[in-house]
Every structure is written in C-alpha cells, then in structure tokens.
Amino acid sequence: MVLASASARPLAASGNCLVTNEWVCPEYVRSRKQELIDATVQHLQLSSVSVLIGLLLAFPLALVARRWRASAGPVLGVTTILYTIPSLAMFSILVPFLGLAASVTVTGLVLYSLTILVRNILAGLQGVPEDVREAARGMGYGPLRLLLGVEVRLALPTIFAGLRIATVSTISLVTIGGIIDHGGLGNLIYEGNQSLFKAEVLTASVLCVVIAITADLLLLGVQRLLTPWANAGKQSRFRRRATTVEAMP
C-alpha cells in the first residue's frame, strides 16, 4: 500500500501542474488547446488587418509629404505625437467613440504604425537617385509608371525595413486589447495576470514571440524575393572587399 501511494505521487505531480500552478505546464496546453488556437487566430487577424490598413494610409501620406515638402513636417509630427500616446490612454480615448469592439484595437494599432511606415516610405522614395528618375522620364515613363515601376521598386528595401518593424510592434501591442476582450493572446495574458495563472501567461506570451519572429522572417523572405538586385549588390560588394583584403600585402 505504501509502495503504491509512493509511486502514485510522481505521476500526480507530473500531471498536476495546473493544481500546483507551474509556469511550464503541458497539461494546460493539452486541455486548453482550442482556446489557444482561437486566441492565436484572433491575434493574427487583428495584427494583419491593422498593418494592412496602416500601410494603405501611410503610402498616400508619404506621397503628400514628398510632393509638398511644407507638409512633411506636420505629417511626420502628427504621426509621432500619436505614437507617444500611451496605449491604455489611446484605448480609453477610442472606447467612447467605437465602443468595446475590435475596431478599438485595430484603430489604435493603425495609428501607432503610421509613424514607422510613413517615415520609412518617405525615406525610401527620397533615396531614389534623381538621375534614375530623369532616365526613366527620358524613356517615356509617366508619373504613375515612374512611381510604381521605378521609385517604389528601388525603395522596397527601406519600405520593408519599416514594415517589418511595424509588424513586430503591432503583434506585441495587440495584447493591450485584452483589457477590452479584443486582444487575441492578450486576452489570455490579461486573464492569467488577474487570476495569477502562470501557465496561461507564459504560454500566451511565448506564442506572441513566436508569431512576431515568424512574421518577421516571412517578410524578410518576401523582401529578398522582390529585391534580388539588392542581394546581388550586397554579394558583389562583399566579393570586392574580399578581393581587396586578399590583395593587401
């Protein structure tokens, strides 16, 4: 009888991490699998929609700032001011207008993404050499074709750098939406903090990090596919430097 009870203790301890409230608890993942999937899907939806809307708004704002230089200061200034507003204060401002809905989370995230996206799009477009523009005009390129076919393509490395930062930042900030029950994995983090449920907090936090790293790597892959000339340029510069080093006495 004593042997039976002694052998049962390790089994109980190993499968009872929910009761002992351990940080790492496989039983939590197994028993709450569907809840974790639903929260992850909502997190992905909120993040992707926010970044997409932010990109669609940032592009024309960057074009306005480039076309009329006097507007660059106000555009960049306003987006920077929006970025400095604390997230809890931002959501508190939006709730009276939008209610306790997912649109509060999306709107807040879109406003936060603008400062990064507008600056990088503007910097990328301004970085296109003027002689390239003149050559394209000489070949009969109109304003729209010049923008999409030449300027945007050459600005892609800078644009993608901002897009990657904005995406990772957005994935992290989605969790703030947990205070209104529209925060994806943030809902679980908020609930876990309220109930001191360690496994819930850690598991949701780890999933947020995994999503952010995965999204960043995917965007990096897309960038390399769309800008093979940039990668070739880096390789040629590396070869030239290597040749120079080898030729040194």
C-alpha atoms as a PDB file:
ATOM      1  CA  MET A   1       0.000   0.000   0.000  1.00  0.00           C
ATOM      2  CA  VAL A   2       2.859   2.335   0.895  1.00  0.00           C
ATOM      3  CA  LEU A   3       4.671   1.460  -2.357  1.00  0.00           C
ATOM      4  CA  ALA A   4       1.522   2.139  -4.373  1.00  0.00           C
ATOM      5  CA  SER A   5       0.996   5.556  -2.828  1.00  0.00           C
ATOM      6  CA  ALA A   6       4.663   6.447  -3.240  1.00  0.00           C
ATOM      7  CA  SER A   7       4.654   5.521  -6.923  1.00  0.00           C
ATOM      8  CA  ALA A   8       1.462   7.494  -7.489  1.00  0.00           C
ATOM      9  CA  ARG A   9       2.955  10.729  -6.156  1.00  0.00           C
ATOM     10  CA  PRO A  10       5.327  11.350  -9.115  1.00  0.00           C
ATOM     11  CA  LEU A  11       2.504  10.614 -11.562  1.00  0.00           C
ATOM     12  CA  ALA A  12       0.200  13.015  -9.777  1.00  0.00           C
ATOM     13  CA  ALA A  13       2.865  15.693  -9.620  1.00  0.00           C
ATOM     14  CA  SER A  14       3.746  15.336 -13.291  1.00  0.00           C
ATOM     15  CA  GLY A  15       0.146  15.639 -14.438  1.00  0.00           C
ATOM     16  CA  ASN A  16      -0.988  18.087 -11.785  1.00  0.00           C
ATOM     17  CA  CYS A  17       0.901  21.203 -12.876  1.00  0.00           C
ATOM     18  CA  LEU A  18      -2.428  23.010 -13.197  1.00  0.00           C
ATOM     19  CA  VAL A  19      -3.092  22.482  -9.496  1.00  0.00           C
ATOM     20  CA  THR A  20       0.441  23.449  -8.447  1.00  0.00           C
ATOM     21  CA  ASN A  21       0.297  26.464 -10.814  1.00  0.00           C
ATOM     22  CA  GLU A  22       3.592  25.859 -12.618  1.00  0.00           C
ATOM     23  CA  TRP A  23       4.951  28.230 -15.260  1.00  0.00           C
ATOM     24  CA  VAL A  24       5.588  25.392 -17.700  1.00  0.00           C
ATOM     25  CA  CYS A  25       2.551  23.122 -17.868  1.00  0.00           C
ATOM     26  CA  PRO A  26       1.979  20.727 -20.803  1.00  0.00           C
ATOM     27  CA  GLU A  27      -1.390  19.822 -19.308  1.00  0.00           C
ATOM     28  CA  TYR A  28      -2.559  23.414 -19.764  1.00  0.00           C
ATOM     29  CA  VAL A  29      -1.635  23.340 -23.463  1.00  0.00           C
ATOM     30  CA  ARG A  30      -3.386  19.991 -23.904  1.00  0.00           C
ATOM     31  CA  SER A  31      -6.578  20.904 -22.042  1.00  0.00           C
ATOM     32  CA  ARG A  32      -6.860  24.467 -23.450  1.00  0.00           C
ATOM     33  CA  LYS A  33      -5.736  23.683 -26.998  1.00  0.00           C
ATOM     34  CA  GLN A  34      -8.826  25.082 -28.725  1.00  0.00           C
ATOM     35  CA  GLU A  35      -8.781  28.214 -26.584  1.00  0.00           C
ATOM     36  CA  LEU A  36      -5.161  28.823 -27.554  1.00  0.00           C
ATOM     37  CA  ILE A  37      -5.932  28.269 -31.245  1.00  0.00           C
ATOM     38  CA  ASP A  38      -8.863  30.692 -31.172  1.00  0.00           C
ATOM     39  CA  ALA A  39      -6.803  33.351 -29.397  1.00  0.00           C
ATOM     40  CA  THR A  40      -3.919  32.892 -31.852  1.00  0.00           C
ATOM     41  CA  VAL A  41      -6.230  33.217 -34.866  1.00  0.00           C
ATOM     42  CA  GLN A  42      -7.758  36.401 -33.451  1.00  0.00           C
ATOM     43  CA  HIS A  43      -4.262  37.737 -32.758  1.00  0.00           C
ATOM     44  CA  LEU A  44      -3.211  37.098 -36.350  1.00  0.00           C
ATOM     45  CA  GLN A  45      -6.374  38.706 -37.723  1.00  0.00           C
ATOM     46  CA  LEU A  46      -6.029  41.857 -35.628  1.00  0.00           C
ATOM     47  CA  SER A  47      -2.329  42.197 -36.447  1.00  0.00           C
ATOM     48  CA  SER A  48      -2.626  41.624 -40.198  1.00  0.00           C
ATOM     49  CA  VAL A  49      -5.654  43.905 -40.632  1.00  0.00           C
ATOM     50  CA  SER A  50      -4.004  46.686 -38.625  1.00  0.00           C
ATOM     51  CA  VAL A  51      -0.724  46.534 -40.548  1.00  0.00           C
ATOM     52  CA  LEU A  52      -2.529  46.393 -43.898  1.00  0.00           C
ATOM     53  CA  ILE A  53      -4.717  49.417 -43.122  1.00  0.00           C
ATOM     54  CA  GLY A  54      -1.699  51.249 -41.726  1.00  0.00           C
ATOM     55  CA  LEU A  55       0.231  50.589 -44.933  1.00  0.00           C
ATOM     56  CA  LEU A  56      -2.672  51.767 -47.101  1.00  0.00           C
ATOM     57  CA  LEU A  57      -2.878  55.022 -45.124  1.00  0.00           C
ATOM     58  CA  ALA A  58       0.867  55.561 -44.790  1.00  0.00           C
ATOM     59  CA  PHE A  59       1.605  55.365 -48.505  1.00  0.00           C
ATOM     60  CA  PRO A  60      -0.520  58.359 -49.601  1.00  0.00           C
ATOM     61  CA  LEU A  61       0.635  60.326 -46.551  1.00  0.00           C
ATOM     62  CA  ALA A  62       4.257  59.721 -47.549  1.00  0.00           C
ATOM     63  CA  LEU A  63       3.468  60.778 -51.131  1.00  0.00           C
ATOM     64  CA  VAL A  64       1.882  64.005 -49.883  1.00  0.00           C
ATOM     65  CA  ALA A  65       4.896  64.706 -47.659  1.00  0.00           C
ATOM     66  CA  ARG A  66       7.250  64.165 -50.599  1.00  0.00           C
ATOM     67  CA  ARG A  67       5.195  66.117 -53.132  1.00  0.00           C
ATOM     68  CA  TRP A  68       4.665  69.163 -50.911  1.00  0.00           C
ATOM     69  CA  ARG A  69       7.705  69.486 -48.688  1.00  0.00           C
ATOM     70  CA  ALA A  70       5.993  72.009 -46.439  1.00  0.00           C
ATOM     71  CA  SER A  71       3.571  69.261 -45.381  1.00  0.00           C
ATOM     72  CA  ALA A  72       6.343  66.816 -44.410  1.00  0.00           C
ATOM     73  CA  GLY A  73       6.877  68.400 -41.003  1.00  0.00           C
ATOM     74  CA  PRO A  74       3.193  68.385 -39.959  1.00  0.00           C
ATOM     75  CA  VAL A  75       2.609  64.850 -41.295  1.00  0.00           C
ATOM     76  CA  LEU A  76       5.617  63.396 -39.506  1.00  0.00           C
ATOM     77  CA  GLY A  77       4.904  65.480 -36.410  1.00  0.00           C
ATOM     78  CA  VAL A  78       1.303  64.304 -36.067  1.00  0.00           C
ATOM     79  CA  THR A  79       2.187  60.635 -36.568  1.00  0.00           C
ATOM     80  CA  THR A  80       4.977  60.955 -33.997  1.00  0.00           C
ATOM     81  CA  ILE A  81       2.634  62.571 -31.464  1.00  0.00           C
ATOM     82  CA  LEU A  82       0.148  59.728 -31.962  1.00  0.00           C
ATOM     83  CA  TYR A  83       2.940  57.227 -31.300  1.00  0.00           C
ATOM     84  CA  THR A  84       3.812  58.881 -27.987  1.00  0.00           C
ATOM     85  CA  ILE A  85       0.287  58.448 -26.560  1.00  0.00           C
ATOM     86  CA  PRO A  86       0.307  55.570 -24.020  1.00  0.00           C
ATOM     87  CA  SER A  87      -1.643  52.582 -25.279  1.00  0.00           C
ATOM     88  CA  LEU A  88      -4.051  52.497 -22.332  1.00  0.00           C
ATOM     89  CA  ALA A  89      -4.792  56.194 -22.811  1.00  0.00           C
ATOM     90  CA  MET A  90      -5.285  55.667 -26.555  1.00  0.00           C
ATOM     91  CA  PHE A  91      -7.808  52.899 -25.973  1.00  0.00           C
ATOM     92  CA  SER A  92      -9.601  54.950 -23.318  1.00  0.00           C
ATOM     93  CA  ILE A  93      -9.990  57.771 -25.854  1.00  0.00           C
ATOM     94  CA  LEU A  94     -11.296  55.463 -28.582  1.00  0.00           C
ATOM     95  CA  VAL A  95     -13.785  53.435 -26.492  1.00  0.00           C
ATOM     96  CA  PRO A  96     -16.394  56.240 -26.134  1.00  0.00           C
ATOM     97  CA  PHE A  97     -16.470  56.594 -29.936  1.00  0.00           C
ATOM     98  CA  LEU A  98     -16.168  52.962 -31.041  1.00  0.00           C
ATOM     99  CA  GLY A  99     -17.445  51.021 -28.033  1.00  0.00           C
ATOM    100  CA  LEU A 100     -15.910  47.834 -26.649  1.00  0.00           C
ATOM    101  CA  ALA A 101     -15.268  46.379 -30.089  1.00  0.00           C
ATOM    102  CA  ALA A 102     -12.353  45.003 -32.082  1.00  0.00           C
ATOM    103  CA  SER A 103     -12.315  48.283 -34.027  1.00  0.00           C
ATOM    104  CA  VAL A 104     -10.810  49.961 -30.955  1.00  0.00           C
ATOM    105  CA  THR A 105      -7.817  47.634 -31.057  1.00  0.00           C
ATOM    106  CA  VAL A 106      -7.433  47.940 -34.834  1.00  0.00           C
ATOM    107  CA  THR A 107      -7.724  51.738 -34.834  1.00  0.00           C
ATOM    108  CA  GLY A 108      -5.169  52.127 -32.072  1.00  0.00           C
ATOM    109  CA  LEU A 109      -2.709  49.809 -33.792  1.00  0.00           C
ATOM    110  CA  VAL A 110      -3.149  51.569 -37.140  1.00  0.00           C
ATOM    111  CA  LEU A 111      -2.389  54.948 -35.564  1.00  0.00           C
ATOM    112  CA  TYR A 112       0.720  53.554 -33.867  1.00  0.00           C
ATOM    113  CA  SER A 113       2.012  52.005 -37.089  1.00  0.00           C
ATOM    114  CA  LEU A 114       1.801  55.227 -39.086  1.00  0.00           C
ATOM    115  CA  THR A 115       4.873  56.894 -37.615  1.00  0.00           C
ATOM    116  CA  ILE A 116       7.114  53.966 -38.617  1.00  0.00           C
ATOM    117  CA  LEU A 117       5.555  53.302 -42.008  1.00  0.00           C
ATOM    118  CA  VAL A 118       5.277  56.919 -43.166  1.00  0.00           C
ATOM    119  CA  ARG A 119       8.887  57.697 -42.235  1.00  0.00           C
ATOM    120  CA  ASN A 120      10.296  54.634 -43.981  1.00  0.00           C
ATOM    121  CA  ILE A 121       8.204  55.005 -47.131  1.00  0.00           C
ATOM    122  CA  LEU A 122       9.163  58.679 -47.357  1.00  0.00           C
ATOM    123  CA  ALA A 123      12.855  57.891 -46.745  1.00  0.00           C
ATOM    124  CA  GLY A 124      12.790  55.160 -49.373  1.00  0.00           C
ATOM    125  CA  LEU A 125      11.227  57.370 -52.029  1.00  0.00           C
ATOM    126  CA  GLN A 126      13.553  60.265 -51.248  1.00  0.00           C
ATOM    127  CA  GLY A 127      16.509  57.916 -51.524  1.00  0.00           C
ATOM    128  CA  VAL A 128      15.895  57.195 -55.210  1.00  0.00           C
ATOM    129  CA  PRO A 129      18.669  58.949 -57.206  1.00  0.00           C
ATOM    130  CA  GLU A 130      17.473  61.857 -59.331  1.00  0.00           C
ATOM    131  CA  ASP A 131      19.421  60.640 -62.358  1.00  0.00           C
ATOM    132  CA  VAL A 132      17.399  57.411 -62.261  1.00  0.00           C
ATOM    133  CA  ARG A 133      14.179  59.439 -62.361  1.00  0.00           C
ATOM    134  CA  GLU A 134      15.468  61.520 -65.243  1.00  0.00           C
ATOM    135  CA  ALA A 135      16.484  58.395 -67.168  1.00  0.00           C
ATOM    136  CA  ALA A 136      13.017  56.893 -66.664  1.00  0.00           C
ATOM    137  CA  ARG A 137      11.328  60.100 -67.838  1.00  0.00           C
ATOM    138  CA  GLY A 138      13.573  60.095 -70.893  1.00  0.00           C
ATOM    139  CA  MET A 139      12.330  56.583 -71.674  1.00  0.00           C
ATOM    140  CA  GLY A 140       8.747  57.825 -71.689  1.00  0.00           C
ATOM    141  CA  TYR A 141       7.695  56.895 -68.144  1.00  0.00           C
ATOM    142  CA  GLY A 142       4.700  58.866 -66.910  1.00  0.00           C
ATOM    143  CA  PRO A 143       4.261  59.922 -63.258  1.00  0.00           C
ATOM    144  CA  LEU A 144       2.315  56.792 -62.184  1.00  0.00           C
ATOM    145  CA  ARG A 145       4.537  54.365 -64.065  1.00  0.00           C
ATOM    146  CA  LEU A 146       7.622  56.140 -62.729  1.00  0.00           C
ATOM    147  CA  LEU A 147       6.304  55.856 -59.168  1.00  0.00           C
ATOM    148  CA  LEU A 148       5.253  52.203 -59.273  1.00  0.00           C
ATOM    149  CA  GLY A 149       7.751  50.852 -61.752  1.00  0.00           C
ATOM    150  CA  VAL A 150      10.897  52.632 -60.617  1.00  0.00           C
ATOM    151  CA  GLU A 151      10.676  54.593 -57.374  1.00  0.00           C
ATOM    152  CA  VAL A 152       8.695  52.115 -55.289  1.00  0.00           C
ATOM    153  CA  ARG A 153      10.793  49.193 -56.524  1.00  0.00           C
ATOM    154  CA  LEU A 154      14.046  50.940 -55.593  1.00  0.00           C
ATOM    155  CA  ALA A 155      12.560  51.988 -52.247  1.00  0.00           C
ATOM    156  CA  LEU A 156      11.422  48.461 -51.330  1.00  0.00           C
ATOM    157  CA  PRO A 157      14.365  47.634 -49.021  1.00  0.00           C
ATOM    158  CA  THR A 158      13.677  50.722 -46.895  1.00  0.00           C
ATOM    159  CA  ILE A 159       9.905  50.205 -47.034  1.00  0.00           C
ATOM    160  CA  PHE A 160      10.225  46.585 -45.958  1.00  0.00           C
ATOM    161  CA  ALA A 161      12.528  47.567 -43.102  1.00  0.00           C
ATOM    162  CA  GLY A 162       9.772  49.794 -41.746  1.00  0.00           C
ATOM    163  CA  LEU A 163       7.095  47.207 -42.480  1.00  0.00           C
ATOM    164  CA  ARG A 164       8.971  44.567 -40.501  1.00  0.00           C
ATOM    165  CA  ILE A 165       9.383  46.874 -37.511  1.00  0.00           C
ATOM    166  CA  ALA A 166       5.722  47.943 -37.669  1.00  0.00           C
ATOM    167  CA  THR A 167       4.544  44.328 -37.930  1.00  0.00           C
ATOM    168  CA  VAL A 168       6.546  43.110 -34.938  1.00  0.00           C
ATOM    169  CA  SER A 169       5.489  46.162 -32.924  1.00  0.00           C
ATOM    170  CA  THR A 170       1.830  45.623 -33.859  1.00  0.00           C
ATOM    171  CA  ILE A 171       1.902  41.948 -32.890  1.00  0.00           C
ATOM    172  CA  SER A 172       3.212  42.982 -29.491  1.00  0.00           C
ATOM    173  CA  LEU A 173       0.727  45.827 -28.998  1.00  0.00           C
ATOM    174  CA  VAL A 174      -2.285  43.664 -29.876  1.00  0.00           C
ATOM    175  CA  THR A 175      -2.060  42.243 -26.361  1.00  0.00           C
ATOM    176  CA  ILE A 176      -3.181  45.605 -24.922  1.00  0.00           C
ATOM    177  CA  GLY A 177      -6.585  44.864 -26.439  1.00  0.00           C
ATOM    178  CA  GLY A 178      -7.022  42.247 -23.735  1.00  0.00           C
ATOM    179  CA  ILE A 179      -8.435  44.932 -21.452  1.00  0.00           C
ATOM    180  CA  ILE A 180     -11.498  45.127 -23.724  1.00  0.00           C
ATOM    181  CA  ASP A 181     -11.531  41.404 -24.549  1.00  0.00           C
ATOM    182  CA  HIS A 182     -10.299  42.006 -28.113  1.00  0.00           C
ATOM    183  CA  GLY A 183      -6.591  41.345 -27.798  1.00  0.00           C
ATOM    184  CA  GLY A 184      -6.057  37.858 -29.164  1.00  0.00           C
ATOM    185  CA  LEU A 185      -3.468  36.210 -26.962  1.00  0.00           C
ATOM    186  CA  GLY A 186      -3.589  39.371 -24.849  1.00  0.00           C
ATOM    187  CA  ASN A 187      -6.957  38.167 -23.531  1.00  0.00           C
ATOM    188  CA  LEU A 188      -5.238  35.131 -22.028  1.00  0.00           C
ATOM    189  CA  ILE A 189      -2.355  37.194 -20.660  1.00  0.00           C
ATOM    190  CA  TYR A 190      -4.792  39.634 -19.046  1.00  0.00           C
ATOM    191  CA  GLU A 191      -6.904  36.837 -17.563  1.00  0.00           C
ATOM    192  CA  GLY A 192      -3.809  34.999 -16.369  1.00  0.00           C
ATOM    193  CA  ASN A 193      -2.480  38.097 -14.635  1.00  0.00           C
ATOM    194  CA  GLN A 194      -5.815  38.671 -12.944  1.00  0.00           C
ATOM    195  CA  SER A 195      -6.022  35.087 -11.646  1.00  0.00           C
ATOM    196  CA  LEU A 196      -2.239  34.606 -11.179  1.00  0.00           C
ATOM    197  CA  PHE A 197      -2.398  31.668 -13.625  1.00  0.00           C
ATOM    198  CA  LYS A 198       1.279  31.282 -14.523  1.00  0.00           C
ATOM    199  CA  ALA A 199       0.959  28.738 -17.347  1.00  0.00           C
ATOM    200  CA  GLU A 200      -1.649  30.849 -19.136  1.00  0.00           C
ATOM    201  CA  VAL A 201       0.529  33.974 -19.012  1.00  0.00           C
ATOM    202  CA  LEU A 202       3.726  32.227 -20.122  1.00  0.00           C
ATOM    203  CA  THR A 203       2.142  30.158 -22.904  1.00  0.00           C
ATOM    204  CA  ALA A 204       0.350  33.144 -24.439  1.00  0.00           C
ATOM    205  CA  SER A 205       3.487  35.280 -24.163  1.00  0.00           C
ATOM    206  CA  VAL A 206       5.631  32.644 -25.873  1.00  0.00           C
ATOM    207  CA  LEU A 207       3.097  32.328 -28.685  1.00  0.00           C
ATOM    208  CA  CYS A 208       3.242  36.116 -29.207  1.00  0.00           C
ATOM    209  CA  VAL A 209       7.023  35.941 -29.559  1.00  0.00           C
ATOM    210  CA  VAL A 210       6.771  33.004 -31.984  1.00  0.00           C
ATOM    211  CA  ILE A 211       4.234  34.872 -34.124  1.00  0.00           C
ATOM    212  CA  ALA A 212       6.407  38.004 -34.201  1.00  0.00           C
ATOM    213  CA  ILE A 213       9.577  36.107 -35.179  1.00  0.00           C
ATOM    214  CA  THR A 214       7.721  34.087 -37.824  1.00  0.00           C
ATOM    215  CA  ALA A 215       6.139  37.206 -39.339  1.00  0.00           C
ATOM    216  CA  ASP A 216       9.499  38.982 -39.427  1.00  0.00           C
ATOM    217  CA  LEU A 217      11.176  36.039 -41.185  1.00  0.00           C
ATOM    218  CA  LEU A 218       8.331  35.764 -43.702  1.00  0.00           C
ATOM    219  CA  LEU A 219       8.563  39.455 -44.554  1.00  0.00           C
ATOM    220  CA  LEU A 220      12.330  39.150 -44.895  1.00  0.00           C
ATOM    221  CA  GLY A 221      11.825  36.273 -47.325  1.00  0.00           C
ATOM    222  CA  VAL A 222       9.309  38.266 -49.367  1.00  0.00           C
ATOM    223  CA  GLN A 223      11.697  41.224 -49.418  1.00  0.00           C
ATOM    224  CA  ARG A 224      14.504  39.089 -50.808  1.00  0.00           C
ATOM    225  CA  LEU A 225      12.209  37.654 -53.468  1.00  0.00           C
ATOM    226  CA  LEU A 226      11.092  41.116 -54.566  1.00  0.00           C
ATOM    227  CA  THR A 227      14.564  42.691 -54.458  1.00  0.00           C
ATOM    228  CA  PRO A 228      17.011  40.154 -55.907  1.00  0.00           C
ATOM    229  CA  TRP A 229      19.079  43.043 -57.243  1.00  0.00           C
ATOM    230  CA  ALA A 230      19.693  44.269 -53.688  1.00  0.00           C
ATOM    231  CA  ASN A 231      21.007  40.861 -52.608  1.00  0.00           C
ATOM    232  CA  ALA A 232      23.209  40.664 -55.708  1.00  0.00           C
ATOM    233  CA  GLY A 233      24.599  44.098 -54.917  1.00  0.00           C
ATOM    234  CA  LYS A 234      25.493  43.056 -51.380  1.00  0.00           C
ATOM    235  CA  GLN A 235      27.222  39.910 -52.642  1.00  0.00           C
ATOM    236  CA  SER A 236      29.252  41.835 -55.232  1.00  0.00           C
ATOM    237  CA  ARG A 237      30.340  44.374 -52.601  1.00  0.00           C
ATOM    238  CA  PHE A 238      31.364  41.523 -50.309  1.00  0.00           C
ATOM    239  CA  ARG A 239      33.407  39.924 -53.116  1.00  0.00           C
ATOM    240  CA  ARG A 240      35.135  43.223 -53.890  1.00  0.00           C
ATOM    241  CA  ARG A 241      36.032  43.693 -50.230  1.00  0.00           C
ATOM    242  CA  ALA A 242      37.298  40.111 -50.003  1.00  0.00           C
ATOM    243  CA  THR A 243      39.429  40.611 -53.110  1.00  0.00           C
ATOM    244  CA  THR A 244      40.831  43.820 -51.692  1.00  0.00           C
ATOM    245  CA  VAL A 245      41.744  42.117 -48.413  1.00  0.00           C
ATOM    246  CA  GLU A 246      43.424  39.250 -50.243  1.00  0.00           C
ATOM    247  CA  ALA A 247      45.436  41.685 -52.370  1.00  0.00           C
ATOM    248  CA  MET A 248      46.761  43.556 -49.315  1.00  0.00           C
ATOM    249  CA  PRO A 249      50.439  42.798 -48.516  1.00  0.00           C
END
